[in-house]
């Protein structure tokens, strides 16, 4: 292995891919934790990257990957086992002598939250603090790129769906999340801080539909469903039960206006304004047009 003290988990996912691009552009060496040789091959084009195979469900497999690491970026795919997997990583990192964990969390993470995803993020944050490690918690709001899941219905029906009424959300582009993460991972001064990461505007899904219509030059409508209708739609789309429950809770959280506040973290950390929703639609229009 090359000499590097930086480990990235989730490097092949949506946020992780953008983070890798940021680090490569900065010519920063890093080690990527991957589950198999297929993922290892995805990193082969980057001379800055080395890879280590490990599985968060098998903590013993992480020891080799964590050797010599001082700072780690923690991100896992959303699953019903996310909390357990992240706690496995945190405990293994502590055992290996990692000094600082930068964790991708979620806006409003709280142990007593009615939203299961926010409870699990809070539980992992708590464990990192309990172990006395330095931490930086990145708490982004709703991902703009999450709307790509509606790409087919926007493209062919001119519609997308949700169940948050007229509540505004300060959604954020994952490129901005990656930009903040790259700075935090490569600069001093971010220890033991929490960054709430949002876009530069708080808008409703009805307003998002207006922006889609303008940028794509075709009529796009937001269809607001009640929670029962949303559950039926997610069930018909064959989402697993744990994810349906979590998404319904997420939408209720948005509908209560709990994700509308705008924070300046992107500009504070990176020096640049966050990507606007209009710019996001313009940049990703191939998914919608």
C-alpha atoms as a PDB file:
ATOM      1  CA  UNK A   1       0.000   0.000   0.000  1.00  0.00           C
ATOM      2  CA  UNK A   2       1.099   3.570  -0.670  1.00  0.00           C
ATOM      3  CA  UNK A   3       1.643   5.876   2.265  1.00  0.00           C
ATOM      4  CA  UNK A   4      -1.693   7.566   2.874  1.00  0.00           C
ATOM      5  CA  UNK A   5      -3.457   8.425   6.102  1.00  0.00           C
ATOM      6  CA  UNK A   6      -6.922   8.996   4.567  1.00  0.00           C
ATOM      7  CA  UNK A   7      -9.588   6.292   4.121  1.00  0.00           C
ATOM      8  CA  UNK A   8     -12.819   6.722   2.148  1.00  0.00           C
ATOM      9  CA  UNK A   9     -15.815   4.410   2.570  1.00  0.00           C
ATOM     10  CA  UNK A  10     -18.720   4.481   0.113  1.00  0.00           C
ATOM     11  CA  UNK A  11     -16.351   5.647  -2.632  1.00  0.00           C
ATOM     12  CA  UNK A  12     -18.386   4.107  -5.476  1.00  0.00           C
ATOM     13  CA  UNK A  13     -21.769   5.559  -4.455  1.00  0.00           C
ATOM     14  CA  UNK A  14     -23.307   8.840  -5.577  1.00  0.00           C
ATOM     15  CA  UNK A  15     -21.726  11.131  -2.970  1.00  0.00           C
ATOM     16  CA  UNK A  16     -18.567   9.023  -2.768  1.00  0.00           C
ATOM     17  CA  UNK A  17     -17.965   9.224  -6.517  1.00  0.00           C
ATOM     18  CA  UNK A  18     -18.147  13.012  -6.369  1.00  0.00           C
ATOM     19  CA  UNK A  19     -15.823  13.062  -3.342  1.00  0.00           C
ATOM     20  CA  UNK A  20     -13.280  10.898  -5.176  1.00  0.00           C
ATOM     21  CA  UNK A  21     -13.373  13.360  -8.109  1.00  0.00           C
ATOM     22  CA  UNK A  22     -12.715  16.240  -5.703  1.00  0.00           C
ATOM     23  CA  UNK A  23      -9.748  14.468  -4.089  1.00  0.00           C
ATOM     24  CA  UNK A  24      -8.305  13.478  -7.468  1.00  0.00           C
ATOM     25  CA  UNK A  25      -8.593  17.069  -8.701  1.00  0.00           C
ATOM     26  CA  UNK A  26      -6.749  18.158  -5.552  1.00  0.00           C
ATOM     27  CA  UNK A  27      -4.144  15.416  -6.195  1.00  0.00           C
ATOM     28  CA  UNK A  28      -4.706  13.990  -2.707  1.00  0.00           C
ATOM     29  CA  UNK A  29      -3.758  10.354  -2.114  1.00  0.00           C
ATOM     30  CA  UNK A  30      -6.377   8.219  -0.376  1.00  0.00           C
ATOM     31  CA  UNK A  31      -7.332   4.627   0.303  1.00  0.00           C
ATOM     32  CA  UNK A  32     -10.802   3.454  -0.738  1.00  0.00           C
ATOM     33  CA  UNK A  33     -12.516   0.670   1.173  1.00  0.00           C
ATOM     34  CA  UNK A  34     -14.287  -1.583  -1.354  1.00  0.00           C
ATOM     35  CA  UNK A  35     -16.275  -4.795  -0.949  1.00  0.00           C
ATOM     36  CA  UNK A  36     -15.001  -6.727  -3.956  1.00  0.00           C
ATOM     37  CA  UNK A  37     -12.734  -6.737  -7.020  1.00  0.00           C
ATOM     38  CA  UNK A  38     -15.432  -5.207  -9.253  1.00  0.00           C
ATOM     39  CA  UNK A  39     -15.468  -2.108  -7.057  1.00  0.00           C
ATOM     40  CA  UNK A  40     -11.671  -2.219  -6.923  1.00  0.00           C
ATOM     41  CA  UNK A  41     -11.588  -2.007 -10.733  1.00  0.00           C
ATOM     42  CA  UNK A  42     -13.663   1.204 -10.603  1.00  0.00           C
ATOM     43  CA  UNK A  43     -10.788   2.884  -8.751  1.00  0.00           C
ATOM     44  CA  UNK A  44      -8.086   1.620 -11.113  1.00  0.00           C
ATOM     45  CA  UNK A  45      -8.004   4.775 -13.254  1.00  0.00           C
ATOM     46  CA  UNK A  46      -7.028   7.066 -10.390  1.00  0.00           C
ATOM     47  CA  UNK A  47      -3.289   7.120  -9.561  1.00  0.00           C
ATOM     48  CA  UNK A  48      -4.145   8.913  -6.306  1.00  0.00           C
ATOM     49  CA  UNK A  49      -6.246   5.964  -5.132  1.00  0.00           C
ATOM     50  CA  UNK A  50      -5.284   2.700  -3.561  1.00  0.00           C
ATOM     51  CA  UNK A  51      -7.908   0.144  -2.576  1.00  0.00           C
ATOM     52  CA  UNK A  52      -8.439  -2.221   0.305  1.00  0.00           C
ATOM     53  CA  UNK A  53     -11.107  -4.918   0.328  1.00  0.00           C
ATOM     54  CA  UNK A  54     -13.208  -5.158   3.467  1.00  0.00           C
ATOM     55  CA  UNK A  55     -16.784  -5.702   4.596  1.00  0.00           C
ATOM     56  CA  UNK A  56     -18.463  -3.608   7.281  1.00  0.00           C
ATOM     57  CA  UNK A  57     -20.483  -6.663   8.330  1.00  0.00           C
ATOM     58  CA  UNK A  58     -17.169  -8.379   9.188  1.00  0.00           C
ATOM     59  CA  UNK A  59     -15.212  -6.017  11.478  1.00  0.00           C
ATOM     60  CA  UNK A  60     -12.131  -8.268  11.452  1.00  0.00           C
ATOM     61  CA  UNK A  61     -11.833  -7.686   7.686  1.00  0.00           C
ATOM     62  CA  UNK A  62     -11.326  -3.956   8.274  1.00  0.00           C
ATOM     63  CA  UNK A  63      -8.056  -4.132  10.226  1.00  0.00           C
ATOM     64  CA  UNK A  64      -5.841  -4.274   7.111  1.00  0.00           C
ATOM     65  CA  UNK A  65      -7.707  -1.396   5.429  1.00  0.00           C
ATOM     66  CA  UNK A  66      -7.430   0.796   8.536  1.00  0.00           C
ATOM     67  CA  UNK A  67      -3.707   0.262   9.091  1.00  0.00           C
ATOM     68  CA  UNK A  68      -1.917   3.628   9.203  1.00  0.00           C
ATOM     69  CA  UNK A  69      -5.120   5.639   8.737  1.00  0.00           C
ATOM     70  CA  UNK A  70      -5.531   8.841  10.744  1.00  0.00           C
ATOM     71  CA  UNK A  71      -8.724  10.245   9.217  1.00  0.00           C
ATOM     72  CA  UNK A  72     -11.681   8.315   7.764  1.00  0.00           C
ATOM     73  CA  UNK A  73     -14.799   9.313   5.825  1.00  0.00           C
ATOM     74  CA  UNK A  74     -17.800   7.220   6.880  1.00  0.00           C
ATOM     75  CA  UNK A  75     -20.655   6.683   4.421  1.00  0.00           C
ATOM     76  CA  UNK A  76     -22.755   3.589   3.792  1.00  0.00           C
ATOM     77  CA  UNK A  77     -25.634   2.828   1.474  1.00  0.00           C
ATOM     78  CA  UNK A  78     -29.046   3.174   3.089  1.00  0.00           C
ATOM     79  CA  UNK A  79     -30.155  -0.223   4.360  1.00  0.00           C
ATOM     80  CA  UNK A  80     -31.972  -1.677   7.345  1.00  0.00           C
ATOM     81  CA  UNK A  81     -28.533  -2.597   8.723  1.00  0.00           C
ATOM     82  CA  UNK A  82     -26.898   0.823   8.274  1.00  0.00           C
ATOM     83  CA  UNK A  83     -26.600   1.576  11.990  1.00  0.00           C
ATOM     84  CA  UNK A  84     -24.998  -1.783  12.761  1.00  0.00           C
ATOM     85  CA  UNK A  85     -22.570  -1.514   9.833  1.00  0.00           C
ATOM     86  CA  UNK A  86     -21.515   2.018  10.727  1.00  0.00           C
ATOM     87  CA  UNK A  87     -21.024   1.106  14.393  1.00  0.00           C
ATOM     88  CA  UNK A  88     -18.864  -1.835  13.275  1.00  0.00           C
ATOM     89  CA  UNK A  89     -16.700   0.588  11.322  1.00  0.00           C
ATOM     90  CA  UNK A  90     -16.475   3.134  14.147  1.00  0.00           C
ATOM     91  CA  UNK A  91     -15.403   0.478  16.652  1.00  0.00           C
ATOM     92  CA  UNK A  92     -12.854  -0.995  14.233  1.00  0.00           C
ATOM     93  CA  UNK A  93     -11.481   2.474  13.456  1.00  0.00           C
ATOM     94  CA  UNK A  94     -11.076   3.232  17.161  1.00  0.00           C
ATOM     95  CA  UNK A  95      -9.307  -0.085  17.698  1.00  0.00           C
ATOM     96  CA  UNK A  96      -6.966   0.682  14.759  1.00  0.00           C
ATOM     97  CA  UNK A  97      -6.025   4.088  16.185  1.00  0.00           C
ATOM     98  CA  UNK A  98      -7.915   6.318  13.729  1.00  0.00           C
ATOM     99  CA  UNK A  99      -7.932   9.816  15.203  1.00  0.00           C
ATOM    100  CA  UNK A 100     -10.729  11.559  13.265  1.00  0.00           C
ATOM    101  CA  UNK A 101     -13.965  10.357  11.646  1.00  0.00           C
ATOM    102  CA  UNK A 102     -15.835  12.533   9.153  1.00  0.00           C
ATOM    103  CA  UNK A 103     -19.325  11.069   9.061  1.00  0.00           C
ATOM    104  CA  UNK A 104     -21.991  11.766   6.465  1.00  0.00           C
ATOM    105  CA  UNK A 105     -25.082  12.112   8.627  1.00  0.00           C
ATOM    106  CA  UNK A 106     -28.422  13.824   7.972  1.00  0.00           C
ATOM    107  CA  UNK A 107     -29.937  17.200   8.805  1.00  0.00           C
ATOM    108  CA  UNK A 108     -31.834  17.060  12.136  1.00  0.00           C
ATOM    109  CA  UNK A 109     -30.207  13.799  13.294  1.00  0.00           C
ATOM    110  CA  UNK A 110     -31.571  13.261  16.793  1.00  0.00           C
ATOM    111  CA  UNK A 111     -31.860  10.230  19.084  1.00  0.00           C
ATOM    112  CA  UNK A 112     -35.509  10.969  19.917  1.00  0.00           C
ATOM    113  CA  UNK A 113     -36.601  11.748  16.338  1.00  0.00           C
ATOM    114  CA  UNK A 114     -39.746  10.017  15.006  1.00  0.00           C
ATOM    115  CA  UNK A 115     -37.731   9.399  11.808  1.00  0.00           C
ATOM    116  CA  UNK A 116     -35.782   6.130  11.974  1.00  0.00           C
ATOM    117  CA  UNK A 117     -33.026   7.351   9.639  1.00  0.00           C
ATOM    118  CA  UNK A 118     -32.393  10.376  11.869  1.00  0.00           C
ATOM    119  CA  UNK A 119     -32.284   8.152  14.970  1.00  0.00           C
ATOM    120  CA  UNK A 120     -29.705   5.829  13.446  1.00  0.00           C
ATOM    121  CA  UNK A 121     -27.414   8.677  12.375  1.00  0.00           C
ATOM    122  CA  UNK A 122     -27.662  10.138  15.888  1.00  0.00           C
ATOM    123  CA  UNK A 123     -26.758   6.774  17.441  1.00  0.00           C
ATOM    124  CA  UNK A 124     -23.589   6.524  15.330  1.00  0.00           C
ATOM    125  CA  UNK A 125     -22.657  10.143  16.077  1.00  0.00           C
ATOM    126  CA  UNK A 126     -23.086   9.408  19.793  1.00  0.00           C
ATOM    127  CA  UNK A 127     -20.783   6.372  19.627  1.00  0.00           C
ATOM    128  CA  UNK A 128     -18.022   8.360  17.895  1.00  0.00           C
ATOM    129  CA  UNK A 129     -18.230  10.987  20.651  1.00  0.00           C
ATOM    130  CA  UNK A 130     -18.270   8.332  23.391  1.00  0.00           C
ATOM    131  CA  UNK A 131     -15.000   6.882  22.097  1.00  0.00           C
ATOM    132  CA  UNK A 132     -13.335  10.283  22.366  1.00  0.00           C
ATOM    133  CA  UNK A 133     -12.329  10.470  18.713  1.00  0.00           C
ATOM    134  CA  UNK A 134     -12.239  13.763  16.821  1.00  0.00           C
ATOM    135  CA  UNK A 135     -15.303  14.065  14.634  1.00  0.00           C
ATOM    136  CA  UNK A 136     -16.881  16.172  11.945  1.00  0.00           C
ATOM    137  CA  UNK A 137     -20.537  15.453  11.264  1.00  0.00           C
ATOM    138  CA  UNK A 138     -21.778  16.496   7.831  1.00  0.00           C
ATOM    139  CA  UNK A 139     -25.568  16.763   7.977  1.00  0.00           C
ATOM    140  CA  UNK A 140     -26.971  17.357   4.487  1.00  0.00           C
ATOM    141  CA  UNK A 141     -30.605  17.980   3.650  1.00  0.00           C
ATOM    142  CA  UNK A 142     -32.599  16.208   0.917  1.00  0.00           C
ATOM    143  CA  UNK A 143     -30.377  15.410  -2.094  1.00  0.00           C
ATOM    144  CA  UNK A 144     -31.402  17.141  -5.327  1.00  0.00           C
ATOM    145  CA  UNK A 145     -30.088  14.069  -7.157  1.00  0.00           C
ATOM    146  CA  UNK A 146     -32.730  11.991  -5.359  1.00  0.00           C
ATOM    147  CA  UNK A 147     -35.190  13.359  -7.934  1.00  0.00           C
ATOM    148  CA  UNK A 148     -33.401  11.341 -10.621  1.00  0.00           C
ATOM    149  CA  UNK A 149     -35.486   8.437  -9.279  1.00  0.00           C
ATOM    150  CA  UNK A 150     -38.439  10.208 -10.927  1.00  0.00           C
ATOM    151  CA  UNK A 151     -36.535  10.663 -14.188  1.00  0.00           C
ATOM    152  CA  UNK A 152     -38.705   8.217 -16.138  1.00  0.00           C
ATOM    153  CA  UNK A 153     -42.021   9.706 -14.989  1.00  0.00           C
ATOM    154  CA  UNK A 154     -40.806  13.275 -15.572  1.00  0.00           C
ATOM    155  CA  UNK A 155     -39.494  12.345 -19.005  1.00  0.00           C
ATOM    156  CA  UNK A 156     -42.528  10.406 -20.231  1.00  0.00           C
ATOM    157  CA  UNK A 157     -45.461  11.602 -18.078  1.00  0.00           C
ATOM    158  CA  UNK A 158     -44.367  15.101 -17.078  1.00  0.00           C
ATOM    159  CA  UNK A 159     -45.014  14.240 -13.415  1.00  0.00           C
ATOM    160  CA  UNK A 160     -43.210  13.506 -10.167  1.00  0.00           C
ATOM    161  CA  UNK A 161     -44.615  12.598  -6.778  1.00  0.00           C
ATOM    162  CA  UNK A 162     -44.220  13.181  -3.065  1.00  0.00           C
ATOM    163  CA  UNK A 163     -46.203  13.647   0.131  1.00  0.00           C
ATOM    164  CA  UNK A 164     -44.918  16.848   1.704  1.00  0.00           C
ATOM    165  CA  UNK A 165     -47.632  19.277   0.697  1.00  0.00           C
ATOM    166  CA  UNK A 166     -46.566  22.885   0.274  1.00  0.00           C
ATOM    167  CA  UNK A 167     -43.614  22.634   2.661  1.00  0.00           C
ATOM    168  CA  UNK A 168     -40.352  24.175   1.483  1.00  0.00           C
ATOM    169  CA  UNK A 169     -37.097  22.191   1.598  1.00  0.00           C
ATOM    170  CA  UNK A 170     -33.554  23.560   1.312  1.00  0.00           C
ATOM    171  CA  UNK A 171     -32.428  20.635  -0.855  1.00  0.00           C
ATOM    172  CA  UNK A 172     -28.719  20.329  -1.667  1.00  0.00           C
ATOM    173  CA  UNK A 173     -26.688  19.116  -4.637  1.00  0.00           C
ATOM    174  CA  UNK A 174     -24.431  16.150  -3.815  1.00  0.00           C
ATOM    175  CA  UNK A 175     -21.558  17.958  -5.561  1.00  0.00           C
ATOM    176  CA  UNK A 176     -21.692  20.547  -2.774  1.00  0.00           C
ATOM    177  CA  UNK A 177     -21.713  17.817  -0.116  1.00  0.00           C
ATOM    178  CA  UNK A 178     -18.604  16.316  -1.719  1.00  0.00           C
ATOM    179  CA  UNK A 179     -16.961  19.733  -1.885  1.00  0.00           C
ATOM    180  CA  UNK A 180     -17.453  20.264   1.844  1.00  0.00           C
ATOM    181  CA  UNK A 181     -16.263  16.724   2.625  1.00  0.00           C
ATOM    182  CA  UNK A 182     -13.088  17.173   0.567  1.00  0.00           C
ATOM    183  CA  UNK A 183     -12.187  20.369   2.427  1.00  0.00           C
ATOM    184  CA  UNK A 184     -12.904  18.836   5.831  1.00  0.00           C
ATOM    185  CA  UNK A 185     -10.808  15.758   5.014  1.00  0.00           C
ATOM    186  CA  UNK A 186      -7.792  17.698   3.763  1.00  0.00           C
ATOM    187  CA  UNK A 187      -7.677  20.811   5.968  1.00  0.00           C
ATOM    188  CA  UNK A 188      -7.179  21.325   9.704  1.00  0.00           C
ATOM    189  CA  UNK A 189      -9.667  23.252  11.806  1.00  0.00           C
ATOM    190  CA  UNK A 190     -12.799  21.162  11.284  1.00  0.00           C
ATOM    191  CA  UNK A 191     -12.382  18.919  14.321  1.00  0.00           C
ATOM    192  CA  UNK A 192     -15.429  18.409  16.551  1.00  0.00           C
ATOM    193  CA  UNK A 193     -17.745  20.459  14.376  1.00  0.00           C
ATOM    194  CA  UNK A 194     -21.179  19.816  12.907  1.00  0.00           C
ATOM    195  CA  UNK A 195     -21.991  21.247   9.469  1.00  0.00           C
ATOM    196  CA  UNK A 196     -25.613  21.458   8.357  1.00  0.00           C
ATOM    197  CA  UNK A 197     -25.410  21.339   4.562  1.00  0.00           C
ATOM    198  CA  UNK A 198     -28.215  22.847   2.498  1.00  0.00           C
ATOM    199  CA  UNK A 199     -28.787  24.571  -0.799  1.00  0.00           C
ATOM    200  CA  UNK A 200     -28.981  28.342  -1.182  1.00  0.00           C
ATOM    201  CA  UNK A 201     -32.796  28.423  -1.375  1.00  0.00           C
ATOM    202  CA  UNK A 202     -35.758  26.779   0.296  1.00  0.00           C
ATOM    203  CA  UNK A 203     -38.446  25.843  -2.223  1.00  0.00           C
ATOM    204  CA  UNK A 204     -41.537  23.666  -2.444  1.00  0.00           C
ATOM    205  CA  UNK A 205     -41.920  20.714  -4.770  1.00  0.00           C
ATOM    206  CA  UNK A 206     -44.516  22.774  -6.661  1.00  0.00           C
ATOM    207  CA  UNK A 207     -41.810  25.390  -7.252  1.00  0.00           C
ATOM    208  CA  UNK A 208     -39.416  22.635  -8.291  1.00  0.00           C
ATOM    209  CA  UNK A 209     -41.993  21.590 -10.905  1.00  0.00           C
ATOM    210  CA  UNK A 210     -42.050  25.162 -12.257  1.00  0.00           C
ATOM    211  CA  UNK A 211     -38.258  25.125 -12.558  1.00  0.00           C
ATOM    212  CA  UNK A 212     -38.306  21.719 -14.285  1.00  0.00           C
ATOM    213  CA  UNK A 213     -40.908  23.092 -16.727  1.00  0.00           C
ATOM    214  CA  UNK A 214     -38.859  26.178 -17.511  1.00  0.00           C
ATOM    215  CA  UNK A 215     -35.471  24.481 -17.910  1.00  0.00           C
ATOM    216  CA  UNK A 216     -36.767  21.433 -19.798  1.00  0.00           C
ATOM    217  CA  UNK A 217     -39.169  23.567 -21.858  1.00  0.00           C
ATOM    218  CA  UNK A 218     -42.038  21.168 -21.209  1.00  0.00           C
ATOM    219  CA  UNK A 219     -44.838  21.037 -18.633  1.00  0.00           C
ATOM    220  CA  UNK A 220     -43.843  19.173 -15.450  1.00  0.00           C
ATOM    221  CA  UNK A 221     -46.309  18.781 -12.585  1.00  0.00           C
ATOM    222  CA  UNK A 222     -45.754  17.814  -8.967  1.00  0.00           C
ATOM    223  CA  UNK A 223     -48.438  15.411  -7.688  1.00  0.00           C
ATOM    224  CA  UNK A 224     -48.881  15.587  -3.931  1.00  0.00           C
ATOM    225  CA  UNK A 225     -50.044  12.329  -2.324  1.00  0.00           C
ATOM    226  CA  UNK A 226     -51.196  11.615   1.203  1.00  0.00           C
ATOM    227  CA  UNK A 227     -49.110   9.176   3.231  1.00  0.00           C
ATOM    228  CA  UNK A 228     -51.441   6.218   2.480  1.00  0.00           C
ATOM    229  CA  UNK A 229     -51.226   6.881  -1.266  1.00  0.00           C
ATOM    230  CA  UNK A 230     -47.447   7.253  -0.985  1.00  0.00           C
ATOM    231  CA  UNK A 231     -47.194   3.942   0.838  1.00  0.00           C
ATOM    232  CA  UNK A 232     -49.278   2.250  -1.861  1.00  0.00           C
ATOM    233  CA  UNK A 233     -47.077   3.728  -4.599  1.00  0.00           C
ATOM    234  CA  UNK A 234     -43.834   2.641  -2.908  1.00  0.00           C
ATOM    235  CA  UNK A 235     -45.262  -0.833  -2.276  1.00  0.00           C
ATOM    236  CA  UNK A 236     -46.301  -1.119  -5.938  1.00  0.00           C
ATOM    237  CA  UNK A 237     -42.757  -0.074  -6.897  1.00  0.00           C
ATOM    238  CA  UNK A 238     -41.514  -2.992  -4.739  1.00  0.00           C
ATOM    239  CA  UNK A 239     -39.558  -0.968  -2.227  1.00  0.00           C
ATOM    240  CA  UNK A 240     -38.647  -3.093   0.828  1.00  0.00           C
ATOM    241  CA  UNK A 241     -40.826  -2.620   3.910  1.00  0.00           C
ATOM    242  CA  UNK A 242     -38.096  -0.989   6.044  1.00  0.00           C
ATOM    243  CA  UNK A 243     -37.436   1.590   3.320  1.00  0.00           C
ATOM    244  CA  UNK A 244     -41.119   2.366   2.781  1.00  0.00           C
ATOM    245  CA  UNK A 245     -41.543   3.074   6.484  1.00  0.00           C
ATOM    246  CA  UNK A 246     -38.433   5.242   6.559  1.00  0.00           C
ATOM    247  CA  UNK A 247     -39.416   7.245   3.480  1.00  0.00           C
ATOM    248  CA  UNK A 248     -42.934   7.898   4.814  1.00  0.00           C
ATOM    249  CA  UNK A 249     -41.335   9.207   8.038  1.00  0.00           C
ATOM    250  CA  UNK A 250     -38.912  11.327   6.006  1.00  0.00           C
ATOM    251  CA  UNK A 251     -41.726  12.891   3.984  1.00  0.00           C
ATOM    252  CA  UNK A 252     -43.704  13.618   7.171  1.00  0.00           C
ATOM    253  CA  UNK A 253     -40.564  15.320   8.539  1.00  0.00           C
ATOM    254  CA  UNK A 254     -40.352  17.489   5.405  1.00  0.00           C
ATOM    255  CA  UNK A 255     -44.111  18.204   5.498  1.00  0.00           C
ATOM    256  CA  UNK A 256     -43.774  19.570   9.045  1.00  0.00           C
ATOM    257  CA  UNK A 257     -41.392  22.210   7.686  1.00  0.00           C
ATOM    258  CA  UNK A 258     -38.447  20.738   9.591  1.00  0.00           C
ATOM    259  CA  UNK A 259     -36.118  20.785   6.569  1.00  0.00           C
ATOM    260  CA  UNK A 260     -36.668  24.321   5.324  1.00  0.00           C
ATOM    261  CA  UNK A 261     -33.882  26.220   7.109  1.00  0.00           C
ATOM    262  CA  UNK A 262     -30.963  27.470   5.002  1.00  0.00           C
ATOM    263  CA  UNK A 263     -27.424  27.137   6.349  1.00  0.00           C
ATOM    264  CA  UNK A 264     -24.257  28.759   5.008  1.00  0.00           C
ATOM    265  CA  UNK A 265     -21.939  25.777   5.530  1.00  0.00           C
ATOM    266  CA  UNK A 266     -21.198  25.192   1.832  1.00  0.00           C
ATOM    267  CA  UNK A 267     -19.979  28.742   1.319  1.00  0.00           C
ATOM    268  CA  UNK A 268     -18.285  28.881   4.752  1.00  0.00           C
ATOM    269  CA  UNK A 269     -16.228  25.746   4.093  1.00  0.00           C
ATOM    270  CA  UNK A 270     -15.656  25.840   0.319  1.00  0.00           C
ATOM    271  CA  UNK A 271     -15.848  29.572  -0.408  1.00  0.00           C
ATOM    272  CA  UNK A 272     -18.446  28.969  -3.135  1.00  0.00           C
ATOM    273  CA  UNK A 273     -22.209  29.388  -3.213  1.00  0.00           C
ATOM    274  CA  UNK A 274     -24.217  26.147  -3.296  1.00  0.00           C
ATOM    275  CA  UNK A 275     -25.598  24.947  -6.625  1.00  0.00           C
ATOM    276  CA  UNK A 276     -29.123  26.279  -7.220  1.00  0.00           C
ATOM    277  CA  UNK A 277     -31.974  23.908  -8.054  1.00  0.00           C
ATOM    278  CA  UNK A 278     -32.222  25.498 -11.501  1.00  0.00           C
ATOM    279  CA  UNK A 279     -28.530  24.792 -12.141  1.00  0.00           C
ATOM    280  CA  UNK A 280     -29.003  21.198 -10.952  1.00  0.00           C
ATOM    281  CA  UNK A 281     -31.857  20.626 -13.439  1.00  0.00           C
ATOM    282  CA  UNK A 282     -29.807  22.205 -16.214  1.00  0.00           C
ATOM    283  CA  UNK A 283     -26.753  20.038 -15.460  1.00  0.00           C
ATOM    284  CA  UNK A 284     -28.765  16.799 -15.128  1.00  0.00           C
ATOM    285  CA  UNK A 285     -31.389  17.422 -17.822  1.00  0.00           C
ATOM    286  CA  UNK A 286     -30.411  14.260 -19.730  1.00  0.00           C
ATOM    287  CA  UNK A 287     -32.102  12.295 -16.922  1.00  0.00           C
ATOM    288  CA  UNK A 288     -35.353  14.243 -17.283  1.00  0.00           C
ATOM    289  CA  UNK A 289     -35.643  15.266 -20.934  1.00  0.00           C
END
